[in-house]
Amino acid sequence: MAKVTEKKLNTVRINAGEWRSRLIKFPDAEGLRPTPERVRQTVFNWLGQDLAGLNCLDLFSGTGVMGFEALSRGAIAVTLVEKSLPACKALISNKQLLQADKANILHQDALQFLNQNTLKFNIIFLDPPYNQEWLPKLLPLIATHLHAEGLVYVEAEYALDESQLNASAGFMADWQIVKQNKAGNVFYHLLKAQKN
């Protein structure tokens, strides 16, 4: 009888907080790439290490590391939205492993979620698949899902800068770049809505 081998899952480590150094597992899937550890460290330095009382949305959750990291650092609740069924099943397993009762995991398309959602969030993590033109579709919709002083973390394959903003059909018109950086091929940004 042939031996059945279980496919080994990838792992990523939570940086800080209640679950510091705990590993979460995720499957191989096209376009699924965890936010690098040093990028997460920088982002959570930008956001402040303690997210106590904040409600977060991890819209293209993938590995879930941004959402679980936010919970580990005290977020009151995190909604993790993921369309890939294998990735969503891994999120559910990680929720059980960490006993992350404040994680709400939804197997859903991002645009469908935004069209139905009525909650407002303090922080939205937005790391859509690369080379699929998600940002022009999403950024015009995101502001209505944020609290007044809310922030959006955006990861992309390109920098959001002045030349990009002017050339991108106005999808950044309602946003101000608070901070931005680059690590390898990852461009990452912290945005807040412009006040009209």
N, C-alpha and C. Protein backbone atom coordinates (compact mmCIF):
# COMPACT_ATOMS: atom_id res chain seq x y z
N MET A 1 0.85 -1.19 0.00
CA MET A 1 0.00 0.00 0.00
C MET A 1 0.89 1.24 0.00
N ALA A 2 0.57 2.19 -0.85
CA ALA A 2 1.36 3.42 -0.95
C ALA A 2 1.17 4.25 0.31
N LYS A 3 2.25 4.85 0.73
CA LYS A 3 2.20 5.71 1.92
C LYS A 3 1.66 7.08 1.53
N VAL A 4 0.67 7.52 2.26
CA VAL A 4 0.08 8.84 2.00
C VAL A 4 0.82 9.85 2.86
N THR A 5 1.39 10.85 2.19
CA THR A 5 2.11 11.88 2.95
C THR A 5 1.27 13.14 2.97
N GLU A 6 1.17 13.72 4.16
CA GLU A 6 0.42 14.97 4.31
C GLU A 6 1.29 16.11 3.80
N LYS A 7 0.70 16.97 2.98
CA LYS A 7 1.45 18.09 2.43
C LYS A 7 1.82 19.06 3.56
N LYS A 8 3.07 19.41 3.60
CA LYS A 8 3.55 20.31 4.66
C LYS A 8 3.09 21.73 4.37
N LEU A 9 2.58 22.38 5.40
CA LEU A 9 2.13 23.76 5.27
C LEU A 9 3.29 24.72 5.54
N ASN A 10 3.21 25.90 4.97
CA ASN A 10 4.17 26.96 5.23
C ASN A 10 3.83 27.59 6.58
N THR A 11 4.81 28.27 7.16
CA THR A 11 4.54 28.95 8.44
C THR A 11 5.06 30.38 8.40
N VAL A 12 4.46 31.21 9.23
CA VAL A 12 4.91 32.58 9.43
C VAL A 12 4.74 32.88 10.92
N ARG A 13 5.66 33.65 11.47
CA ARG A 13 5.70 33.91 12.91
C ARG A 13 5.06 35.25 13.25
N ILE A 14 4.28 35.27 14.33
CA ILE A 14 3.71 36.51 14.86
C ILE A 14 4.82 37.23 15.63
N ASN A 15 4.97 38.54 15.39
CA ASN A 15 6.11 39.30 15.93
C ASN A 15 5.99 39.67 17.40
N ALA A 16 4.79 40.08 17.84
CA ALA A 16 4.70 40.69 19.18
C ALA A 16 3.34 40.46 19.79
N GLY A 17 3.22 40.83 21.06
CA GLY A 17 1.94 40.76 21.75
C GLY A 17 1.69 39.42 22.41
N GLU A 18 0.42 39.13 22.64
CA GLU A 18 0.00 37.92 23.36
C GLU A 18 0.52 36.64 22.72
N TRP A 19 0.54 36.61 21.38
CA TRP A 19 0.96 35.40 20.67
C TRP A 19 2.37 35.53 20.08
N ARG A 20 3.18 36.36 20.67
CA ARG A 20 4.54 36.58 20.17
C ARG A 20 5.26 35.24 19.96
N SER A 21 5.90 35.11 18.80
CA SER A 21 6.68 33.93 18.39
C SER A 21 5.84 32.71 18.05
N ARG A 22 4.51 32.82 18.13
CA ARG A 22 3.68 31.69 17.71
C ARG A 22 3.67 31.62 16.19
N LEU A 23 3.64 30.40 15.67
CA LEU A 23 3.62 30.19 14.22
C LEU A 23 2.20 29.95 13.76
N ILE A 24 1.84 30.58 12.63
CA ILE A 24 0.58 30.25 11.98
C ILE A 24 0.92 29.58 10.65
N LYS A 25 0.05 28.67 10.24
CA LYS A 25 0.30 27.86 9.04
C LYS A 25 -0.59 28.33 7.90
N PHE A 26 -0.07 28.17 6.69
CA PHE A 26 -0.86 28.52 5.51
C PHE A 26 -0.43 27.65 4.34
N PRO A 27 -1.35 27.38 3.41
CA PRO A 27 -1.06 26.51 2.27
C PRO A 27 -0.37 27.26 1.14
N ASP A 28 0.19 26.52 0.20
CA ASP A 28 0.65 27.12 -1.05
C ASP A 28 -0.58 27.50 -1.86
N ALA A 29 -0.61 28.71 -2.36
CA ALA A 29 -1.71 29.14 -3.22
C ALA A 29 -1.17 30.27 -4.10
N GLU A 30 -1.69 30.34 -5.30
CA GLU A 30 -1.24 31.36 -6.24
C GLU A 30 -1.49 32.75 -5.66
N GLY A 31 -0.44 33.58 -5.66
CA GLY A 31 -0.56 34.95 -5.20
C GLY A 31 -0.52 35.11 -3.68
N LEU A 32 -0.46 34.00 -2.95
CA LEU A 32 -0.46 34.08 -1.48
C LEU A 32 0.96 34.29 -1.00
N ARG A 33 1.19 35.44 -0.36
CA ARG A 33 2.53 35.76 0.13
C ARG A 33 2.38 36.53 1.43
N PRO A 34 2.95 36.00 2.50
CA PRO A 34 2.83 36.72 3.78
C PRO A 34 3.62 38.03 3.74
N THR A 35 3.11 39.03 4.42
CA THR A 35 3.85 40.28 4.56
C THR A 35 5.14 39.98 5.30
N PRO A 36 6.30 40.37 4.74
CA PRO A 36 7.58 40.05 5.38
C PRO A 36 7.67 40.59 6.81
N GLU A 37 8.41 39.87 7.65
CA GLU A 37 8.50 40.20 9.07
C GLU A 37 8.96 41.63 9.30
N ARG A 38 10.00 42.06 8.59
CA ARG A 38 10.49 43.43 8.84
C ARG A 38 9.49 44.49 8.39
N VAL A 39 8.69 44.18 7.37
CA VAL A 39 7.64 45.11 6.95
C VAL A 39 6.58 45.19 8.04
N ARG A 40 6.17 44.03 8.58
CA ARG A 40 5.18 44.04 9.66
C ARG A 40 5.69 44.82 10.87
N GLN A 41 6.96 44.65 11.20
CA GLN A 41 7.52 45.41 12.34
C GLN A 41 7.39 46.91 12.09
N THR A 42 7.73 47.35 10.88
CA THR A 42 7.64 48.77 10.55
C THR A 42 6.19 49.25 10.60
N VAL A 43 5.28 48.47 10.01
CA VAL A 43 3.87 48.87 9.97
C VAL A 43 3.30 49.02 11.37
N PHE A 44 3.60 48.06 12.25
CA PHE A 44 3.05 48.16 13.60
C PHE A 44 3.77 49.21 14.43
N ASN A 45 4.98 49.59 14.06
CA ASN A 45 5.60 50.78 14.67
C ASN A 45 4.83 52.03 14.24
N TRP A 46 4.46 52.09 12.95
CA TRP A 46 3.68 53.22 12.45
C TRP A 46 2.33 53.32 13.17
N LEU A 47 1.69 52.16 13.36
CA LEU A 47 0.35 52.13 13.94
C LEU A 47 0.36 52.29 15.45
N GLY A 48 1.51 52.08 16.06
CA GLY A 48 1.59 52.03 17.52
C GLY A 48 1.52 50.57 17.92
N GLN A 49 2.31 50.19 18.87
CA GLN A 49 2.41 48.77 19.22
C GLN A 49 1.14 48.22 19.85
N ASP A 50 0.40 49.06 20.55
CA ASP A 50 -0.79 48.62 21.28
C ASP A 50 -2.03 49.03 20.48
N LEU A 51 -2.79 48.05 20.02
CA LEU A 51 -3.99 48.33 19.24
C LEU A 51 -5.26 48.13 20.07
N ALA A 52 -5.12 48.23 21.39
CA ALA A 52 -6.25 48.00 22.29
C ALA A 52 -7.44 48.86 21.90
N GLY A 53 -8.61 48.22 21.82
CA GLY A 53 -9.85 48.92 21.53
C GLY A 53 -10.12 49.18 20.06
N LEU A 54 -9.19 48.80 19.18
CA LEU A 54 -9.38 49.08 17.75
C LEU A 54 -10.03 47.89 17.04
N ASN A 55 -10.87 48.22 16.06
CA ASN A 55 -11.54 47.22 15.24
C ASN A 55 -10.87 47.24 13.86
N CYS A 56 -10.41 46.07 13.41
CA CYS A 56 -9.61 46.01 12.18
C CYS A 56 -10.27 45.11 11.13
N LEU A 57 -9.93 45.39 9.88
CA LEU A 57 -10.35 44.57 8.74
C LEU A 57 -9.10 44.15 7.98
N ASP A 58 -8.97 42.85 7.76
CA ASP A 58 -7.89 42.30 6.93
C ASP A 58 -8.57 41.79 5.66
N LEU A 59 -8.62 42.64 4.62
CA LEU A 59 -9.53 42.41 3.50
C LEU A 59 -9.11 41.28 2.57
N PHE A 60 -7.85 41.17 2.23
CA PHE A 60 -7.36 40.04 1.45
C PHE A 60 -6.47 39.26 2.41
N SER A 61 -7.08 38.56 3.31
CA SER A 61 -6.40 38.05 4.49
C SER A 61 -5.25 37.10 4.16
N GLY A 62 -5.42 36.24 3.18
CA GLY A 62 -4.34 35.31 2.80
C GLY A 62 -3.88 34.46 3.97
N THR A 63 -2.67 34.71 4.45
CA THR A 63 -2.13 33.96 5.58
C THR A 63 -2.79 34.36 6.89
N GLY A 64 -3.35 35.57 6.94
CA GLY A 64 -3.97 36.07 8.15
C GLY A 64 -2.99 36.72 9.11
N VAL A 65 -1.72 36.80 8.71
CA VAL A 65 -0.71 37.27 9.67
C VAL A 65 -0.95 38.71 10.12
N MET A 66 -1.43 39.59 9.24
CA MET A 66 -1.68 40.97 9.67
C MET A 66 -2.85 41.02 10.68
N GLY A 67 -3.90 40.29 10.40
CA GLY A 67 -5.04 40.26 11.30
C GLY A 67 -4.72 39.63 12.64
N PHE A 68 -4.03 38.49 12.62
CA PHE A 68 -3.67 37.82 13.88
C PHE A 68 -2.66 38.66 14.66
N GLU A 69 -1.76 39.32 13.95
CA GLU A 69 -0.80 40.22 14.61
C GLU A 69 -1.54 41.36 15.31
N ALA A 70 -2.57 41.92 14.65
CA ALA A 70 -3.37 42.99 15.26
C ALA A 70 -4.08 42.49 16.52
N LEU A 71 -4.64 41.29 16.45
CA LEU A 71 -5.29 40.70 17.64
C LEU A 71 -4.28 40.46 18.75
N SER A 72 -3.11 39.97 18.38
CA SER A 72 -2.06 39.71 19.36
C SER A 72 -1.67 40.99 20.09
N ARG A 73 -1.80 42.12 19.39
CA ARG A 73 -1.42 43.42 19.96
C ARG A 73 -2.61 44.15 20.57
N GLY A 74 -3.72 43.45 20.80
CA GLY A 74 -4.81 44.01 21.58
C GLY A 74 -6.03 44.49 20.83
N ALA A 75 -6.09 44.34 19.51
CA ALA A 75 -7.28 44.78 18.77
C ALA A 75 -8.52 44.12 19.37
N ILE A 76 -9.60 44.87 19.44
CA ILE A 76 -10.83 44.37 20.05
C ILE A 76 -11.52 43.34 19.15
N ALA A 77 -11.33 43.48 17.83
CA ALA A 77 -11.91 42.54 16.87
C ALA A 77 -11.20 42.71 15.54
N VAL A 78 -11.09 41.60 14.79
CA VAL A 78 -10.55 41.65 13.44
C VAL A 78 -11.43 40.79 12.54
N THR A 79 -11.86 41.37 11.43
CA THR A 79 -12.58 40.63 10.40
C THR A 79 -11.58 40.26 9.33
N LEU A 80 -11.45 38.95 9.05
CA LEU A 80 -10.52 38.45 8.04
C LEU A 80 -11.34 37.93 6.87
N VAL A 81 -11.18 38.55 5.71
CA VAL A 81 -11.94 38.19 4.51
C VAL A 81 -10.99 37.52 3.53
N GLU A 82 -11.34 36.32 3.08
CA GLU A 82 -10.48 35.58 2.15
C GLU A 82 -11.34 34.77 1.19
N LYS A 83 -11.06 34.91 -0.11
CA LYS A 83 -11.83 34.22 -1.15
C LYS A 83 -11.34 32.78 -1.38
N SER A 84 -10.04 32.52 -1.23
CA SER A 84 -9.49 31.19 -1.48
C SER A 84 -9.93 30.22 -0.38
N LEU A 85 -10.58 29.14 -0.77
CA LEU A 85 -11.07 28.18 0.22
C LEU A 85 -9.94 27.52 1.02
N PRO A 86 -8.84 27.06 0.39
CA PRO A 86 -7.76 26.47 1.20
C PRO A 86 -7.17 27.47 2.20
N ALA A 87 -6.99 28.72 1.77
CA ALA A 87 -6.46 29.73 2.68
C ALA A 87 -7.45 30.01 3.80
N CYS A 88 -8.74 30.05 3.48
CA CYS A 88 -9.77 30.30 4.48
C CYS A 88 -9.81 29.17 5.51
N LYS A 89 -9.67 27.93 5.06
CA LYS A 89 -9.64 26.79 5.99
C LYS A 89 -8.44 26.89 6.92
N ALA A 90 -7.30 27.35 6.39
CA ALA A 90 -6.10 27.53 7.23
C ALA A 90 -6.35 28.64 8.26
N LEU A 91 -7.04 29.70 7.86
CA LEU A 91 -7.37 30.78 8.81
C LEU A 91 -8.21 30.24 9.97
N ILE A 92 -9.18 29.40 9.65
CA ILE A 92 -10.04 28.82 10.68
C ILE A 92 -9.22 27.94 11.62
N SER A 93 -8.30 27.15 11.05
CA SER A 93 -7.42 26.31 11.88
C SER A 93 -6.55 27.16 12.80
N ASN A 94 -6.00 28.25 12.26
CA ASN A 94 -5.16 29.14 13.08
C ASN A 94 -5.98 29.83 14.16
N LYS A 95 -7.20 30.20 13.84
CA LYS A 95 -8.09 30.81 14.85
C LYS A 95 -8.28 29.84 16.01
N GLN A 96 -8.52 28.57 15.69
CA GLN A 96 -8.71 27.56 16.73
C GLN A 96 -7.42 27.34 17.51
N LEU A 97 -6.30 27.25 16.82
CA LEU A 97 -5.01 27.03 17.46
C LEU A 97 -4.69 28.15 18.46
N LEU A 98 -4.93 29.39 18.06
CA LEU A 98 -4.62 30.54 18.91
C LEU A 98 -5.74 30.87 19.90
N GLN A 99 -6.88 30.20 19.74
CA GLN A 99 -8.09 30.53 20.52
C GLN A 99 -8.43 32.01 20.34
N ALA A 100 -8.41 32.42 19.08
CA ALA A 100 -8.62 33.82 18.71
C ALA A 100 -10.11 34.10 18.54
N ASP A 101 -10.81 34.20 19.66
CA ASP A 101 -12.25 34.38 19.64
C ASP A 101 -12.69 35.69 18.99
N LYS A 102 -11.80 36.67 18.95
CA LYS A 102 -12.15 37.98 18.40
C LYS A 102 -11.90 38.07 16.88
N ALA A 103 -11.53 36.92 16.29
CA ALA A 103 -11.34 36.87 14.83
C ALA A 103 -12.63 36.41 14.17
N ASN A 104 -13.13 37.19 13.23
CA ASN A 104 -14.32 36.84 12.45
C ASN A 104 -13.84 36.52 11.04
N ILE A 105 -13.89 35.25 10.64
CA ILE A 105 -13.35 34.81 9.35
C ILE A 105 -14.49 34.61 8.37
N LEU A 106 -14.36 35.25 7.19
CA LEU A 106 -15.38 35.17 6.16
C LEU A 106 -14.78 34.66 4.87
N HIS A 107 -15.38 33.60 4.31
CA HIS A 107 -14.98 33.09 3.00
C HIS A 107 -15.81 33.85 1.98
N GLN A 108 -15.22 34.95 1.45
CA GLN A 108 -16.00 35.87 0.62
C GLN A 108 -15.08 36.68 -0.28
N ASP A 109 -15.62 37.13 -1.39
CA ASP A 109 -14.93 38.04 -2.29
C ASP A 109 -14.85 39.43 -1.65
N ALA A 110 -13.75 40.12 -1.83
CA ALA A 110 -13.54 41.43 -1.21
C ALA A 110 -14.58 42.46 -1.62
N LEU A 111 -14.89 42.56 -2.90
CA LEU A 111 -15.88 43.54 -3.36
C LEU A 111 -17.27 43.20 -2.84
N GLN A 112 -17.60 41.92 -2.81
CA GLN A 112 -18.89 41.50 -2.26
C GLN A 112 -18.99 41.89 -0.78
N PHE A 113 -17.90 41.68 -0.05
CA PHE A 113 -17.89 42.07 1.36
C PHE A 113 -18.12 43.57 1.51
N LEU A 114 -17.39 44.37 0.74
CA LEU A 114 -17.53 45.83 0.85
C LEU A 114 -18.94 46.29 0.50
N ASN A 115 -19.56 45.64 -0.47
CA ASN A 115 -20.92 46.02 -0.86
C ASN A 115 -21.95 45.70 0.22
N GLN A 116 -21.66 44.71 1.08
CA GLN A 116 -22.62 44.29 2.11
C GLN A 116 -22.28 44.83 3.49
N ASN A 117 -21.05 45.20 3.74
CA ASN A 117 -20.59 45.58 5.07
C ASN A 117 -21.18 46.91 5.53
N THR A 118 -21.59 46.94 6.81
CA THR A 118 -22.07 48.19 7.39
C THR A 118 -21.21 48.63 8.58
N LEU A 119 -20.23 47.81 8.95
CA LEU A 119 -19.34 48.16 10.07
C LEU A 119 -18.31 49.20 9.65
N LYS A 120 -17.79 49.93 10.63
CA LYS A 120 -16.67 50.85 10.39
C LYS A 120 -15.47 50.33 11.15
N PHE A 121 -14.29 50.51 10.56
CA PHE A 121 -13.05 49.98 11.11
C PHE A 121 -12.08 51.10 11.41
N ASN A 122 -11.22 50.86 12.41
CA ASN A 122 -10.15 51.82 12.74
C ASN A 122 -8.96 51.63 11.81
N ILE A 123 -8.68 50.37 11.46
CA ILE A 123 -7.55 50.05 10.58
C ILE A 123 -8.01 49.02 9.56
N ILE A 124 -7.67 49.26 8.29
CA ILE A 124 -7.93 48.28 7.24
C ILE A 124 -6.60 47.89 6.63
N PHE A 125 -6.33 46.58 6.62
CA PHE A 125 -5.14 46.03 5.97
C PHE A 125 -5.56 45.61 4.57
N LEU A 126 -4.87 46.15 3.58
CA LEU A 126 -5.24 45.93 2.18
C LEU A 126 -4.01 45.46 1.39
N ASP A 127 -3.95 44.17 1.16
CA ASP A 127 -2.82 43.56 0.44
C ASP A 127 -3.37 42.63 -0.64
N PRO A 128 -3.95 43.21 -1.70
CA PRO A 128 -4.57 42.38 -2.74
C PRO A 128 -3.53 41.69 -3.62
N PRO A 129 -3.95 40.66 -4.37
CA PRO A 129 -3.03 40.01 -5.31
C PRO A 129 -2.43 41.03 -6.28
N TYR A 130 -1.17 40.85 -6.60
CA TYR A 130 -0.48 41.77 -7.50
C TYR A 130 -0.95 41.59 -8.94
N ASN A 131 -0.75 42.64 -9.73
CA ASN A 131 -0.98 42.65 -11.18
C ASN A 131 -2.42 42.32 -11.57
N GLN A 132 -3.37 42.68 -10.72
CA GLN A 132 -4.78 42.46 -11.05
C GLN A 132 -5.60 43.75 -10.94
N GLU A 133 -4.92 44.89 -10.78
CA GLU A 133 -5.58 46.20 -10.76
C GLU A 133 -6.67 46.31 -9.69
N TRP A 134 -6.38 45.79 -8.50
CA TRP A 134 -7.35 45.86 -7.41
C TRP A 134 -7.46 47.26 -6.80
N LEU A 135 -6.35 47.97 -6.66
CA LEU A 135 -6.40 49.25 -5.95
C LEU A 135 -7.34 50.27 -6.58
N PRO A 136 -7.37 50.42 -7.92
CA PRO A 136 -8.35 51.36 -8.49
C PRO A 136 -9.80 50.98 -8.19
N LYS A 137 -10.07 49.67 -8.01
CA LYS A 137 -11.44 49.22 -7.69
C LYS A 137 -11.76 49.44 -6.22
N LEU A 138 -10.77 49.24 -5.35
CA LEU A 138 -11.02 49.19 -3.91
C LEU A 138 -10.92 50.54 -3.20
N LEU A 139 -9.89 51.31 -3.51
CA LEU A 139 -9.65 52.53 -2.74
C LEU A 139 -10.81 53.53 -2.80
N PRO A 140 -11.53 53.67 -3.93
CA PRO A 140 -12.69 54.57 -3.90
C PRO A 140 -13.81 54.10 -2.96
N LEU A 141 -13.84 52.80 -2.62
CA LEU A 141 -14.89 52.24 -1.77
C LEU A 141 -14.52 52.19 -0.29
N ILE A 142 -13.23 52.17 0.00
CA ILE A 142 -12.76 51.86 1.35
C ILE A 142 -13.09 52.96 2.38
N ALA A 143 -13.03 54.22 2.00
CA ALA A 143 -13.19 55.31 2.97
C ALA A 143 -14.51 55.22 3.74
N THR A 144 -15.56 54.76 3.10
CA THR A 144 -16.86 54.68 3.78
C THR A 144 -16.88 53.59 4.85
N HIS A 145 -15.86 52.74 4.88
CA HIS A 145 -15.79 51.65 5.86
C HIS A 145 -14.85 51.99 7.01
N LEU A 146 -14.33 53.23 7.02
CA LEU A 146 -13.38 53.66 8.06
C LEU A 146 -14.02 54.61 9.05
N HIS A 147 -13.60 54.51 10.31
CA HIS A 147 -13.93 55.55 11.28
C HIS A 147 -13.24 56.85 10.84
N ALA A 148 -13.64 57.95 11.40
CA ALA A 148 -13.15 59.27 10.97
C ALA A 148 -11.63 59.37 10.95
N GLU A 149 -10.96 58.87 11.95
CA GLU A 149 -9.49 58.95 12.00
C GLU A 149 -8.84 57.64 11.60
N GLY A 150 -9.56 56.79 10.87
CA GLY A 150 -9.06 55.47 10.49
C GLY A 150 -7.90 55.53 9.52
N LEU A 151 -7.15 54.44 9.47
CA LEU A 151 -5.99 54.31 8.60
C LEU A 151 -6.10 53.06 7.73
N VAL A 152 -5.51 53.13 6.55
CA VAL A 152 -5.47 51.99 5.64
C VAL A 152 -4.02 51.66 5.33
N TYR A 153 -3.66 50.41 5.58
CA TYR A 153 -2.34 49.91 5.19
C TYR A 153 -2.48 49.28 3.82
N VAL A 154 -1.68 49.73 2.86
CA VAL A 154 -1.74 49.22 1.49
C VAL A 154 -0.38 48.65 1.10
N GLU A 155 -0.40 47.41 0.63
CA GLU A 155 0.81 46.78 0.10
C GLU A 155 0.58 46.59 -1.40
N ALA A 156 1.60 46.89 -2.20
CA ALA A 156 1.44 46.82 -3.65
C ALA A 156 2.78 46.50 -4.32
N GLU A 157 2.70 46.20 -5.60
CA GLU A 157 3.90 45.92 -6.39
C GLU A 157 4.51 47.20 -6.95
N TYR A 158 3.93 48.34 -6.63
CA TYR A 158 4.44 49.62 -7.07
C TYR A 158 4.22 50.66 -5.97
N ALA A 159 4.96 51.74 -6.05
CA ALA A 159 4.83 52.82 -5.07
C ALA A 159 3.65 53.70 -5.44
N LEU A 160 2.91 54.11 -4.43
CA LEU A 160 1.88 55.13 -4.63
C LEU A 160 2.57 56.47 -4.39
N ASP A 161 2.94 57.14 -5.46
CA ASP A 161 3.60 58.44 -5.33
C ASP A 161 2.86 59.45 -6.20
N GLU A 162 3.34 60.68 -6.20
CA GLU A 162 2.63 61.74 -6.92
C GLU A 162 2.46 61.42 -8.40
N SER A 163 3.48 60.90 -9.05
CA SER A 163 3.34 60.60 -10.47
C SER A 163 2.33 59.47 -10.69
N GLN A 164 2.33 58.48 -9.81
CA GLN A 164 1.37 57.38 -9.90
C GLN A 164 -0.05 57.88 -9.65
N LEU A 165 -0.19 58.76 -8.67
CA LEU A 165 -1.52 59.26 -8.32
C LEU A 165 -2.14 60.00 -9.50
N ASN A 166 -1.33 60.81 -10.17
CA ASN A 166 -1.85 61.60 -11.29
C ASN A 166 -2.17 60.73 -12.50
N ALA A 167 -1.49 59.60 -12.61
CA ALA A 167 -1.66 58.74 -13.79
C ALA A 167 -2.68 57.63 -13.56
N SER A 168 -3.32 57.61 -12.41
CA SER A 168 -4.13 56.43 -12.08
C SER A 168 -5.63 56.73 -12.01
N ALA A 169 -6.11 57.54 -12.88
CA ALA A 169 -7.54 57.79 -13.04
C ALA A 169 -8.22 58.23 -11.75
N GLY A 170 -7.47 58.90 -10.90
CA GLY A 170 -8.08 59.49 -9.72
C GLY A 170 -8.44 58.55 -8.59
N PHE A 171 -8.00 57.30 -8.61
CA PHE A 171 -8.42 56.39 -7.54
C PHE A 171 -7.81 56.77 -6.20
N MET A 172 -6.78 57.62 -6.19
CA MET A 172 -6.18 58.07 -4.95
C MET A 172 -6.66 59.47 -4.54
N ALA A 173 -7.63 59.99 -5.25
CA ALA A 173 -8.05 61.38 -5.03
C ALA A 173 -8.49 61.65 -3.59
N ASP A 174 -9.06 60.67 -2.94
CA ASP A 174 -9.59 60.87 -1.59
C ASP A 174 -8.61 60.49 -0.49
N TRP A 175 -7.35 60.22 -0.86
CA TRP A 175 -6.40 59.67 0.10
C TRP A 175 -5.15 60.52 0.24
N GLN A 176 -4.61 60.49 1.41
CA GLN A 176 -3.32 61.13 1.70
C GLN A 176 -2.36 60.04 2.17
N ILE A 177 -1.14 60.05 1.63
CA ILE A 177 -0.12 59.10 2.06
C ILE A 177 0.53 59.64 3.32
N VAL A 178 0.38 58.91 4.42
CA VAL A 178 0.94 59.32 5.70
C VAL A 178 2.39 58.85 5.80
N LYS A 179 2.63 57.60 5.43
CA LYS A 179 3.97 57.02 5.45
C LYS A 179 4.08 56.02 4.32
N GLN A 180 5.31 55.80 3.86
CA GLN A 180 5.53 54.76 2.84
C GLN A 180 6.96 54.29 2.90
N ASN A 181 7.17 53.07 2.41
CA ASN A 181 8.51 52.50 2.42
C ASN A 181 8.56 51.37 1.40
N LYS A 182 9.73 50.78 1.26
CA LYS A 182 9.93 49.69 0.30
C LYS A 182 10.86 48.67 0.93
N ALA A 183 10.54 47.40 0.76
CA ALA A 183 11.42 46.31 1.19
C ALA A 183 11.45 45.28 0.07
N GLY A 184 12.59 45.15 -0.60
CA GLY A 184 12.67 44.25 -1.75
C GLY A 184 11.71 44.72 -2.82
N ASN A 185 10.80 43.84 -3.23
CA ASN A 185 9.80 44.19 -4.25
C ASN A 185 8.47 44.63 -3.65
N VAL A 186 8.44 44.81 -2.34
CA VAL A 186 7.21 45.18 -1.65
C VAL A 186 7.19 46.67 -1.36
N PHE A 187 6.19 47.36 -1.89
CA PHE A 187 5.96 48.77 -1.57
C PHE A 187 4.81 48.82 -0.59
N TYR A 188 5.01 49.51 0.53
CA TYR A 188 3.94 49.54 1.51
C TYR A 188 3.70 50.96 2.00
N HIS A 189 2.44 51.25 2.32
CA HIS A 189 1.98 52.60 2.54
C HIS A 189 0.95 52.63 3.67
N LEU A 190 0.90 53.76 4.35
CA LEU A 190 -0.16 54.02 5.32
C LEU A 190 -0.92 55.23 4.80
N LEU A 191 -2.22 55.06 4.61
CA LEU A 191 -3.07 56.11 4.04
C LEU A 191 -4.12 56.56 5.04
N LYS A 192 -4.53 57.81 4.90
CA LYS A 192 -5.72 58.27 5.62
C LYS A 192 -6.57 59.05 4.63
N ALA A 193 -7.86 59.06 4.91
CA ALA A 193 -8.79 59.75 4.00
C ALA A 193 -8.59 61.25 4.10
N GLN A 194 -8.63 61.92 2.95
CA GLN A 194 -8.56 63.38 2.93
C GLN A 194 -9.85 63.93 3.47
N LYS A 195 -9.75 64.98 4.24
CA LYS A 195 -10.96 65.63 4.74
C LYS A 195 -11.41 66.66 3.71
N ASN A 196 -12.67 66.59 3.34
CA ASN A 196 -13.20 67.54 2.34
C ASN A 196 -13.74 68.78 3.01
